[in-house]
Amino acid sequence: MTSRIGLSFVWLVPALLVALVAPVAAQPAPGTSPPVAAPEPPGPAADPSLNPTGEAVDKAKADKETADKEKAEQAQADKDKAAKAATTITPYGVMVLDGWYNTGVMTNADVPLSAATPAVGNESSIGATARQSRFGAKIASPGVAAALNAKTVEGTFEIDFYGGYYPTNGNSWVTQVLPRLRLFYVAVSFDKIKIVAGQDWMLFAPVNPDSIHHMELPALSNTGNLWSRLPQLSVHATLGAITASFGVLGPADSTPTGRPRSPLRDAGAADKSLVPSLQGRVAYAAKTPDVSVTAGVSGHLGREKVAGDPATMIAAHDVASWGAAGDLVVQVGKMLTFKGEAFVGANLDPFFSGASIAGPAGKQDPTPVRGYWGQLAVKPGNLGVFLSFGSDNPEAPDAGRLPANAVSRNFAVNAAATWTFAPKLVAGLEVDYIDTKRAVVAPQTETQVAATVQFGF
């Protein structure tokens, strides 16, 4: 038994020693920090936007109000600056010298409209003029634009010296030319709307051929190219590639309303109808890096009041003036351009057509007409080559109702070459061939060769 107690004591002593030593070993050594347990990973942070505090909401609102105030102050500062900006006037012009040779009698010798029927003989002629020169000014008024909240307010004023000749004795009348008002209008432009008030190009059939000789009477006038500049109030709206225009224009007809050397004006047939001219156009424009295309359709509607016939007790009555036209301009790169128009209508003589009214007094009817023109231009470098053609074809309402000398077909071909010596110094040579057919009188053909020099500024 004694041996069993001794054996148990032997095992008990080491166990007590381990129990006493282990806590001591677990204590940190002098001068050292106890070990720190690793923290548990944090949970997801709360999103303040999901449950913003009142302070955060107030701060965001204050920041927005500050930004809006700064933006409004900047806009007002820009507006005040624009209002104080000075109106600018930019003059411009072109000085033109023309010389020509006509094979026979032309209607308008310097810039021909048709081959005329000579009263006596058919002699050739030469001549020269500077009356196609023009001067103008562009006016921009940022202050007015700012007051109207518009993008721009711009005006244009332009005159030439194609208003006729002042009658004098001798040959000095050739140099005593009268000025003519070409353009005088103001245009107010907003983001997508432009409003034009004043005298400007009409909306109907607005495209013209290029020419440095036919400056004041555009090329192919009376031979398929309709045009005019009229007092108007017009609105132009742009939506993407589409531009729509509508205008109320002054009444237009070919009745002489002015008096020689007098400021007085008489009422014409269109004035007496009490109806203005109404015109509109819709155009589509597309452009790629190499090709640009603009196509449009336009229309005109007006009236004239013609005299009656007291002998047959026919009262004065209204006669319509109307037209519909399509226009196309295609430009390929910087070298090639094609443009043209085609139209149908009636009584369009105010716009350089031969179609007026026909018939005996009290029974006049509008003369129907159709026409067209086209031009191909090639401009390699400083050289310009142009080939144009056009035709105006009035048709009598019924046989024999056109006056004997009335034009029933007026066809023309124009060929031109120009050379640009400097950006605004151009010289050229043009040839016009005109074939004019009248209702009864024999057809007449004439040719003009003209040389022109232009200097612009």
Protein backbone atom coordinates (compact mmCIF):
# COMPACT_ATOMS: atom_id res chain seq x y z
CA MET A 1 0.00 0.00 0.00
CA THR A 2 2.88 2.26 0.78
CA SER A 3 4.15 1.73 -2.74
CA ARG A 4 0.80 2.76 -4.24
CA ILE A 5 0.80 6.06 -2.30
CA GLY A 6 4.32 6.85 -3.43
CA LEU A 7 3.44 6.24 -7.07
CA SER A 8 0.45 8.58 -6.89
CA PHE A 9 2.55 11.30 -5.31
CA VAL A 10 5.04 11.01 -8.11
CA TRP A 11 2.32 11.80 -10.74
CA LEU A 12 0.70 14.50 -8.60
CA VAL A 13 3.81 16.68 -8.27
CA PRO A 14 4.35 17.33 -12.04
CA ALA A 15 0.64 18.12 -12.52
CA LEU A 16 0.77 20.73 -9.78
CA LEU A 17 3.89 22.27 -11.29
CA VAL A 18 2.22 22.62 -14.73
CA ALA A 19 -0.83 24.18 -13.14
CA LEU A 20 1.30 26.75 -11.32
CA VAL A 21 3.63 27.60 -14.25
CA ALA A 22 1.00 27.99 -17.06
CA PRO A 23 -0.64 31.20 -15.75
CA VAL A 24 2.76 32.75 -15.23
CA ALA A 25 3.83 31.92 -18.79
CA ALA A 26 0.67 33.51 -20.10
CA GLN A 27 1.54 36.89 -18.58
CA PRO A 28 3.35 39.34 -20.95
CA ALA A 29 6.97 39.88 -20.47
CA PRO A 30 7.97 43.03 -18.65
CA GLY A 31 7.90 46.07 -21.01
CA THR A 32 5.58 44.46 -23.57
CA SER A 33 1.85 45.04 -24.38
CA PRO A 34 -0.67 42.30 -24.05
CA PRO A 35 -1.87 40.79 -27.34
CA VAL A 36 -4.97 42.41 -28.88
CA ALA A 37 -7.73 40.28 -30.24
CA ALA A 38 -8.58 40.78 -33.94
CA PRO A 39 -11.73 42.90 -34.35
CA GLU A 40 -14.69 41.42 -36.03
CA PRO A 41 -15.39 42.71 -39.60
CA PRO A 42 -17.71 45.79 -39.68
CA GLY A 43 -21.17 45.58 -41.19
CA PRO A 44 -22.28 47.57 -44.30
CA ALA A 45 -22.29 51.39 -43.90
CA ALA A 46 -25.65 53.07 -43.90
CA ASP A 47 -26.51 55.17 -47.07
CA PRO A 48 -27.47 58.66 -45.84
CA SER A 49 -29.45 59.27 -49.07
CA LEU A 50 -31.79 56.45 -48.17
CA ASN A 51 -32.64 58.11 -44.93
CA PRO A 52 -31.31 61.69 -45.10
CA THR A 53 -31.28 63.74 -42.02
CA GLY A 54 -32.96 67.13 -41.92
CA GLU A 55 -29.54 68.79 -41.93
CA ALA A 56 -28.51 67.03 -45.17
CA VAL A 57 -31.77 68.00 -46.88
CA ASP A 58 -31.38 71.65 -45.88
CA LYS A 59 -27.78 71.70 -47.15
CA ALA A 60 -28.73 70.22 -50.56
CA LYS A 61 -31.55 72.72 -50.93
CA ALA A 62 -29.29 75.61 -50.02
CA ASP A 63 -26.64 74.46 -52.52
CA LYS A 64 -29.24 74.29 -55.32
CA GLU A 65 -30.61 77.72 -54.50
CA THR A 66 -27.08 79.15 -54.53
CA ALA A 67 -26.32 77.56 -57.92
CA ASP A 68 -29.62 78.81 -59.41
CA LYS A 69 -28.96 82.30 -58.08
CA GLU A 70 -25.46 82.37 -59.55
CA LYS A 71 -26.80 81.15 -62.89
CA ALA A 72 -29.52 83.82 -62.93
CA GLU A 73 -27.04 86.52 -61.98
CA GLN A 74 -24.70 85.44 -64.79
CA ALA A 75 -27.56 85.45 -67.30
CA GLN A 76 -28.59 88.93 -66.18
CA ALA A 77 -24.99 90.12 -66.37
CA ASP A 78 -24.73 88.79 -69.93
CA LYS A 79 -28.00 90.49 -70.83
CA ASP A 80 -26.87 93.80 -69.29
CA LYS A 81 -23.59 93.54 -71.17
CA ALA A 82 -25.39 92.89 -74.45
CA ALA A 83 -27.77 95.78 -73.79
CA LYS A 84 -24.81 98.12 -73.43
CA ALA A 85 -23.08 96.80 -76.56
CA ALA A 86 -22.90 99.32 -79.36
CA THR A 87 -24.85 98.89 -82.57
CA THR A 88 -22.44 98.01 -85.37
CA ILE A 89 -22.76 99.13 -88.99
CA THR A 90 -20.70 97.27 -91.58
CA PRO A 91 -20.66 98.77 -95.09
CA TYR A 92 -20.21 96.60 -98.16
CA GLY A 93 -20.58 96.85 -101.90
CA VAL A 94 -19.41 95.87 -105.34
CA MET A 95 -18.33 98.09 -108.21
CA VAL A 96 -19.30 96.65 -111.58
CA LEU A 97 -18.19 97.64 -115.09
CA ASP A 98 -19.97 96.05 -118.06
CA GLY A 99 -19.27 96.26 -121.78
CA TRP A 100 -21.34 94.44 -124.41
CA TYR A 101 -21.99 93.75 -128.08
CA ASN A 102 -25.50 92.91 -129.32
CA THR A 103 -26.14 91.30 -132.69
CA GLY A 104 -29.52 93.04 -132.92
CA VAL A 105 -32.24 94.79 -130.96
CA MET A 106 -32.74 93.50 -127.43
CA THR A 107 -35.34 94.32 -124.79
CA ASN A 108 -32.98 96.11 -122.39
CA ALA A 109 -29.68 96.50 -124.21
CA ASP A 110 -27.21 96.04 -121.31
CA VAL A 111 -28.83 93.05 -119.56
CA PRO A 112 -31.20 91.54 -122.15
CA LEU A 113 -34.61 90.06 -121.36
CA SER A 114 -35.79 89.06 -124.83
CA ALA A 115 -35.07 89.51 -128.50
CA ALA A 116 -37.08 92.58 -129.53
CA THR A 117 -38.97 93.12 -132.73
CA PRO A 118 -37.26 96.07 -134.41
CA ALA A 119 -39.41 98.97 -135.52
CA VAL A 120 -37.05 99.84 -138.36
CA GLY A 121 -34.19 97.57 -139.31
CA ASN A 122 -32.23 95.39 -136.87
CA GLU A 123 -28.89 96.98 -136.26
CA SER A 124 -26.16 95.66 -133.99
CA SER A 125 -24.81 97.79 -131.14
CA ILE A 126 -22.19 98.14 -128.41
CA GLY A 127 -22.33 99.81 -125.02
CA ALA A 128 -20.92 100.09 -121.51
CA THR A 129 -22.32 100.90 -118.08
CA ALA A 130 -21.51 100.92 -114.38
CA ARG A 131 -25.12 101.10 -113.19
CA GLN A 132 -25.12 97.53 -111.87
CA SER A 133 -22.84 98.63 -109.01
CA ARG A 134 -24.41 98.34 -105.57
CA PHE A 135 -23.76 99.54 -102.04
CA GLY A 136 -25.19 98.50 -98.71
CA ALA A 137 -24.77 98.16 -94.99
CA LYS A 138 -25.32 95.43 -92.40
CA ILE A 139 -26.58 96.60 -89.02
CA ALA A 140 -26.39 94.49 -85.83
CA SER A 141 -28.01 95.61 -82.57
CA PRO A 142 -27.16 93.39 -79.55
CA GLY A 143 -28.99 95.78 -77.23
CA VAL A 144 -32.31 95.38 -79.03
CA ALA A 145 -31.75 91.62 -79.19
CA ALA A 146 -31.21 91.50 -75.42
CA ALA A 147 -34.36 93.52 -74.79
CA LEU A 148 -36.37 91.09 -76.95
CA ASN A 149 -34.64 87.98 -75.54
CA ALA A 150 -33.62 87.23 -79.13
CA LYS A 151 -30.38 85.76 -80.42
CA THR A 152 -29.80 88.53 -82.96
CA VAL A 153 -31.46 91.60 -84.39
CA GLU A 154 -29.96 92.53 -87.75
CA GLY A 155 -30.85 94.93 -90.51
CA THR A 156 -29.85 95.19 -94.17
CA PHE A 157 -29.90 98.24 -96.43
CA GLU A 158 -28.87 97.96 -100.09
CA ILE A 159 -29.22 100.11 -103.21
CA ASP A 160 -28.05 99.94 -106.82
CA PHE A 161 -28.27 102.36 -109.74
CA TYR A 162 -30.73 100.42 -111.87
CA GLY A 163 -33.68 102.68 -111.17
CA GLY A 164 -33.72 104.20 -114.65
CA TYR A 165 -32.26 107.29 -116.28
CA TYR A 166 -32.90 110.92 -115.50
CA PRO A 167 -34.09 112.54 -118.75
CA THR A 168 -31.70 115.24 -119.95
CA ASN A 169 -30.72 116.80 -123.22
CA GLY A 170 -27.94 115.21 -125.25
CA ASN A 171 -26.24 111.95 -124.44
CA SER A 172 -25.40 112.79 -120.82
CA TRP A 173 -28.44 110.81 -119.64
CA VAL A 174 -26.34 107.64 -120.02
CA THR A 175 -24.34 108.59 -116.93
CA GLN A 176 -27.22 110.18 -114.99
CA VAL A 177 -28.71 107.02 -113.52
CA LEU A 178 -31.23 106.87 -110.69
CA PRO A 179 -30.70 104.82 -107.52
CA ARG A 180 -33.02 101.91 -106.73
CA LEU A 181 -33.87 100.39 -103.37
CA ARG A 182 -33.00 96.69 -103.40
CA LEU A 183 -33.18 95.59 -99.77
CA PHE A 184 -34.35 97.32 -96.62
CA TYR A 185 -35.40 95.02 -93.79
CA VAL A 186 -34.85 93.99 -90.18
CA ALA A 187 -34.58 90.32 -89.11
CA VAL A 188 -35.19 89.19 -85.53
CA SER A 189 -33.83 85.68 -84.88
CA PHE A 190 -34.67 83.39 -81.99
CA ASP A 191 -33.54 79.78 -81.49
CA LYS A 192 -35.74 78.30 -84.23
CA ILE A 193 -37.75 81.27 -85.49
CA LYS A 194 -36.79 84.25 -87.64
CA ILE A 195 -39.11 87.20 -88.33
CA VAL A 196 -38.39 89.51 -91.28
CA ALA A 197 -40.05 92.90 -91.79
CA GLY A 198 -39.22 95.16 -94.74
CA GLN A 199 -38.26 94.72 -98.38
CA ASP A 200 -36.55 91.40 -99.07
CA TRP A 201 -36.48 88.64 -101.69
CA MET A 202 -39.86 87.01 -102.15
CA LEU A 203 -40.46 83.49 -100.78
CA PHE A 204 -41.83 82.10 -104.06
CA ALA A 205 -39.19 80.57 -106.39
CA PRO A 206 -36.25 82.03 -104.39
CA VAL A 207 -33.25 80.48 -106.20
CA ASN A 208 -31.30 82.42 -108.89
CA PRO A 209 -28.54 81.39 -111.32
CA ASP A 210 -25.00 82.65 -110.69
CA SER A 211 -23.74 85.42 -112.95
CA ILE A 212 -21.38 88.37 -112.62
CA HIS A 213 -22.96 90.17 -115.61
CA HIS A 214 -26.66 89.66 -114.77
CA MET A 215 -26.40 91.41 -111.42
CA GLU A 216 -29.48 93.63 -111.16
CA LEU A 217 -31.70 91.51 -113.40
CA PRO A 218 -30.77 87.93 -112.44
CA ALA A 219 -29.78 85.61 -115.26
CA LEU A 220 -32.62 84.02 -117.24
CA SER A 221 -35.12 86.70 -116.20
CA ASN A 222 -38.15 86.45 -118.52
CA THR A 223 -36.80 83.08 -119.71
CA GLY A 224 -37.86 80.82 -116.83
CA ASN A 225 -36.38 82.48 -113.73
CA LEU A 226 -39.07 84.07 -111.55
CA TRP A 227 -37.96 86.59 -108.94
CA SER A 228 -38.77 89.83 -107.18
CA ARG A 229 -38.01 91.79 -104.03
CA LEU A 230 -41.15 92.94 -102.21
CA PRO A 231 -42.19 94.63 -98.95
CA GLN A 232 -43.22 91.85 -96.57
CA LEU A 233 -43.73 90.46 -93.11
CA SER A 234 -42.51 86.88 -93.11
CA VAL A 235 -41.86 84.15 -90.55
CA HIS A 236 -39.27 81.39 -91.00
CA ALA A 237 -39.28 78.32 -88.71
CA THR A 238 -36.51 75.71 -88.66
CA LEU A 239 -37.02 72.22 -87.26
CA GLY A 240 -34.01 70.02 -87.87
CA ALA A 241 -33.42 69.79 -91.60
CA ILE A 242 -36.77 71.37 -92.52
CA THR A 243 -37.40 75.12 -92.89
CA ALA A 244 -40.94 76.42 -93.34
CA SER A 245 -41.61 80.03 -94.38
CA PHE A 246 -44.80 82.05 -94.74
CA GLY A 247 -45.21 85.69 -95.64
CA VAL A 248 -47.72 88.43 -96.33
CA LEU A 249 -46.24 90.55 -99.14
CA GLY A 250 -47.28 93.73 -100.87
CA PRO A 251 -49.73 93.38 -103.78
CA ALA A 252 -47.80 92.83 -107.02
CA ASP A 253 -48.66 93.35 -110.69
CA SER A 254 -47.02 94.93 -113.72
CA THR A 255 -49.25 98.03 -113.81
CA PRO A 256 -47.17 101.23 -113.88
CA THR A 257 -47.87 102.92 -110.54
CA GLY A 258 -45.19 105.61 -110.45
CA ARG A 259 -45.06 108.96 -112.14
CA PRO A 260 -41.91 110.14 -113.96
CA ARG A 261 -39.78 112.43 -111.76
CA SER A 262 -42.49 112.44 -109.08
CA PRO A 263 -42.73 110.89 -105.60
CA LEU A 264 -46.44 110.23 -106.13
CA ARG A 265 -47.74 106.69 -106.56
CA ASP A 266 -51.00 105.59 -108.14
CA ALA A 267 -52.90 102.46 -107.08
CA GLY A 268 -52.23 99.51 -109.36
CA ALA A 269 -54.53 96.66 -110.36
CA ALA A 270 -53.27 94.47 -107.50
CA ASP A 271 -53.66 97.32 -104.98
CA LYS A 272 -57.29 97.76 -106.02
CA SER A 273 -58.06 94.08 -105.38
CA LEU A 274 -57.63 94.75 -101.64
CA VAL A 275 -55.76 91.43 -101.32
CA PRO A 276 -52.05 91.18 -100.44
CA SER A 277 -49.74 88.61 -101.98
CA LEU A 278 -49.52 85.42 -99.92
CA GLN A 279 -46.44 83.25 -100.33
CA GLY A 280 -44.88 80.28 -98.59
CA ARG A 281 -42.11 77.72 -98.94
CA VAL A 282 -41.03 74.46 -97.32
CA ALA A 283 -37.42 73.33 -97.83
CA TYR A 284 -35.39 70.30 -96.79
CA ALA A 285 -31.59 70.44 -96.49
CA ALA A 286 -29.22 67.49 -96.15
CA LYS A 287 -25.43 67.56 -95.96
CA THR A 288 -22.59 65.04 -95.94
CA PRO A 289 -18.86 65.79 -95.95
CA ASP A 290 -18.88 65.76 -99.77
CA VAL A 291 -22.43 66.59 -100.90
CA SER A 292 -25.10 69.09 -99.82
CA VAL A 293 -28.65 69.10 -101.16
CA THR A 294 -31.46 71.62 -100.65
CA ALA A 295 -34.88 70.99 -102.15
CA GLY A 296 -37.94 73.18 -101.76
CA VAL A 297 -41.51 73.73 -102.89
CA SER A 298 -43.13 77.16 -102.84
CA GLY A 299 -46.34 78.90 -103.78
CA HIS A 300 -47.82 82.33 -104.55
CA LEU A 301 -51.38 83.62 -104.46
CA GLY A 302 -52.53 87.13 -105.40
CA ARG A 303 -55.19 89.09 -107.25
CA GLU A 304 -55.69 91.99 -109.64
CA LYS A 305 -58.79 94.07 -110.26
CA VAL A 306 -59.22 94.69 -113.97
CA ALA A 307 -61.44 97.23 -115.66
CA GLY A 308 -64.87 96.36 -116.93
CA ASP A 309 -66.55 97.33 -120.20
CA PRO A 310 -69.21 100.04 -119.89
CA ALA A 311 -70.39 99.40 -123.46
CA THR A 312 -71.42 95.85 -122.59
CA MET A 313 -72.26 96.73 -118.97
CA ILE A 314 -69.57 94.38 -117.62
CA ALA A 315 -68.32 95.52 -114.25
CA ALA A 316 -64.73 95.47 -113.08
CA HIS A 317 -63.75 92.08 -111.72
CA ASP A 318 -60.87 90.29 -109.99
CA VAL A 319 -58.35 88.12 -111.82
CA ALA A 320 -56.19 85.62 -109.96
CA SER A 321 -52.41 85.46 -109.93
CA TRP A 322 -51.03 82.14 -108.72
CA GLY A 323 -47.98 79.93 -109.01
CA ALA A 324 -46.38 76.75 -107.68
CA ALA A 325 -42.66 76.06 -107.99
CA GLY A 326 -40.03 73.51 -107.07
CA ASP A 327 -36.36 74.33 -106.56
CA LEU A 328 -33.21 72.23 -106.16
CA VAL A 329 -29.57 73.02 -105.33
CA VAL A 330 -26.95 70.26 -105.28
CA GLN A 331 -23.32 70.98 -104.43
CA VAL A 332 -20.61 68.34 -104.77
CA GLY A 333 -17.46 69.32 -102.94
CA LYS A 334 -16.23 72.82 -103.69
CA MET A 335 -16.07 72.42 -107.45
CA LEU A 336 -19.45 71.28 -108.82
CA THR A 337 -22.89 72.88 -108.35
CA PHE A 338 -26.23 72.25 -110.02
CA LYS A 339 -29.28 74.39 -109.37
CA GLY A 340 -32.64 74.92 -111.02
CA GLU A 341 -36.36 75.58 -110.75
CA ALA A 342 -39.59 74.60 -112.51
CA PHE A 343 -42.99 76.26 -112.15
CA VAL A 344 -46.59 76.44 -113.30
CA GLY A 345 -49.09 79.23 -112.72
CA ALA A 346 -51.00 82.08 -114.28
CA ASN A 347 -50.64 85.86 -114.51
CA LEU A 348 -47.08 85.90 -113.15
CA ASP A 349 -45.79 88.93 -115.05
CA PRO A 350 -44.90 90.80 -111.80
CA PHE A 351 -42.16 88.19 -111.34
CA PHE A 352 -40.53 88.43 -114.79
CA SER A 353 -42.76 86.06 -116.72
CA GLY A 354 -44.43 86.90 -119.99
CA ALA A 355 -47.80 85.67 -118.69
CA SER A 356 -50.18 88.51 -117.91
CA ILE A 357 -53.91 88.79 -118.65
CA ALA A 358 -55.55 88.37 -122.04
CA GLY A 359 -58.88 89.07 -123.64
CA PRO A 360 -61.09 92.04 -124.54
CA ALA A 361 -62.09 94.67 -122.00
CA GLY A 362 -64.28 93.22 -119.29
CA LYS A 363 -63.44 89.65 -120.25
CA GLN A 364 -59.76 89.41 -119.37
CA ASP A 365 -58.53 86.11 -118.03
CA PRO A 366 -55.20 85.16 -116.44
CA THR A 367 -52.75 83.73 -118.94
CA PRO A 368 -51.47 80.28 -117.88
CA VAL A 369 -47.72 79.73 -117.96
CA ARG A 370 -45.12 77.07 -117.28
CA GLY A 371 -41.37 77.40 -117.23
CA TYR A 372 -38.05 76.14 -115.98
CA TRP A 373 -34.36 76.88 -115.75
CA GLY A 374 -31.18 75.05 -114.81
CA GLN A 375 -27.50 75.81 -114.32
CA LEU A 376 -24.35 73.71 -114.05
CA ALA A 377 -21.30 75.41 -112.52
CA VAL A 378 -17.77 74.03 -112.37
CA LYS A 379 -15.16 75.94 -110.33
CA PRO A 380 -11.69 74.40 -110.46
CA GLY A 381 -9.45 76.80 -108.55
CA ASN A 382 -9.74 80.40 -109.73
CA LEU A 383 -11.62 79.45 -112.90
CA GLY A 384 -15.40 79.34 -113.05
CA VAL A 385 -17.37 77.83 -115.96
CA PHE A 386 -21.17 78.18 -116.11
CA LEU A 387 -23.78 76.79 -118.49
CA SER A 388 -27.41 77.86 -118.03
CA PHE A 389 -30.68 77.46 -119.92
CA GLY A 390 -34.30 78.41 -119.34
CA SER A 391 -37.70 78.88 -120.94
CA ASP A 392 -40.88 80.83 -120.16
CA ASN A 393 -43.97 79.59 -122.00
CA PRO A 394 -47.20 81.61 -121.67
CA GLU A 395 -50.30 79.97 -123.12
CA ALA A 396 -53.36 81.88 -124.32
CA PRO A 397 -56.61 80.93 -122.53
CA ASP A 398 -57.97 80.23 -125.98
CA ALA A 399 -56.78 80.82 -129.51
CA GLY A 400 -56.25 84.36 -130.66
CA ARG A 401 -56.61 86.10 -127.28
CA LEU A 402 -52.96 87.09 -126.82
CA PRO A 403 -51.98 90.49 -128.25
CA ALA A 404 -50.02 90.23 -131.49
CA ASN A 405 -46.72 91.19 -129.85
CA ALA A 406 -47.25 89.13 -126.68
CA VAL A 407 -44.51 86.57 -125.98
CA SER A 408 -45.66 82.97 -126.29
CA ARG A 409 -42.22 81.42 -125.72
CA ASN A 410 -38.93 82.93 -124.55
CA PHE A 411 -35.95 80.57 -124.49
CA ALA A 412 -32.35 81.43 -123.55
CA VAL A 413 -28.95 79.81 -123.19
CA ASN A 414 -26.19 81.49 -121.19
CA ALA A 415 -22.53 80.44 -121.16
CA ALA A 416 -19.95 82.17 -118.99
CA ALA A 417 -16.34 81.91 -117.83
CA THR A 418 -14.87 83.85 -114.90
CA TRP A 419 -11.45 84.23 -113.33
CA THR A 420 -10.92 85.25 -109.71
CA PHE A 421 -7.76 87.37 -109.42
CA ALA A 422 -8.29 88.01 -105.70
CA PRO A 423 -11.05 87.12 -103.21
CA LYS A 424 -13.15 90.11 -104.34
CA LEU A 425 -11.74 90.89 -107.78
CA VAL A 426 -13.40 88.90 -110.59
CA ALA A 427 -13.56 89.30 -114.36
CA GLY A 428 -15.60 87.30 -116.83
CA LEU A 429 -17.01 86.83 -120.30
CA GLU A 430 -20.66 85.84 -120.93
CA VAL A 431 -22.66 84.94 -124.02
CA ASP A 432 -26.48 85.10 -124.08
CA TYR A 433 -28.50 83.51 -126.87
CA ILE A 434 -32.21 84.40 -126.78
CA ASP A 435 -34.93 82.93 -128.99
CA THR A 436 -38.23 84.84 -128.61
CA LYS A 437 -41.49 83.74 -130.18
CA ARG A 438 -44.54 86.01 -130.20
CA ALA A 439 -48.22 85.30 -130.75
CA VAL A 440 -48.36 86.65 -134.30
CA VAL A 441 -45.07 88.41 -135.04
CA ALA A 442 -42.28 86.28 -136.52
CA PRO A 443 -39.79 84.73 -134.05
CA GLN A 444 -36.63 86.66 -133.33
CA THR A 445 -33.20 85.43 -132.16
CA GLU A 446 -30.36 87.60 -130.90
CA THR A 447 -27.01 87.14 -129.17
CA GLN A 448 -25.13 89.27 -126.68
CA VAL A 449 -21.44 89.02 -125.78
CA ALA A 450 -20.57 90.84 -122.55
CA ALA A 451 -17.39 91.43 -120.55
CA THR A 452 -17.61 92.29 -116.85
CA VAL A 453 -15.22 93.30 -114.07
CA GLN A 454 -16.27 93.29 -110.41
CA PHE A 455 -14.46 94.66 -107.37
CA GLY A 456 -16.10 94.13 -103.99
CA PHE A 457 -15.45 95.40 -100.51
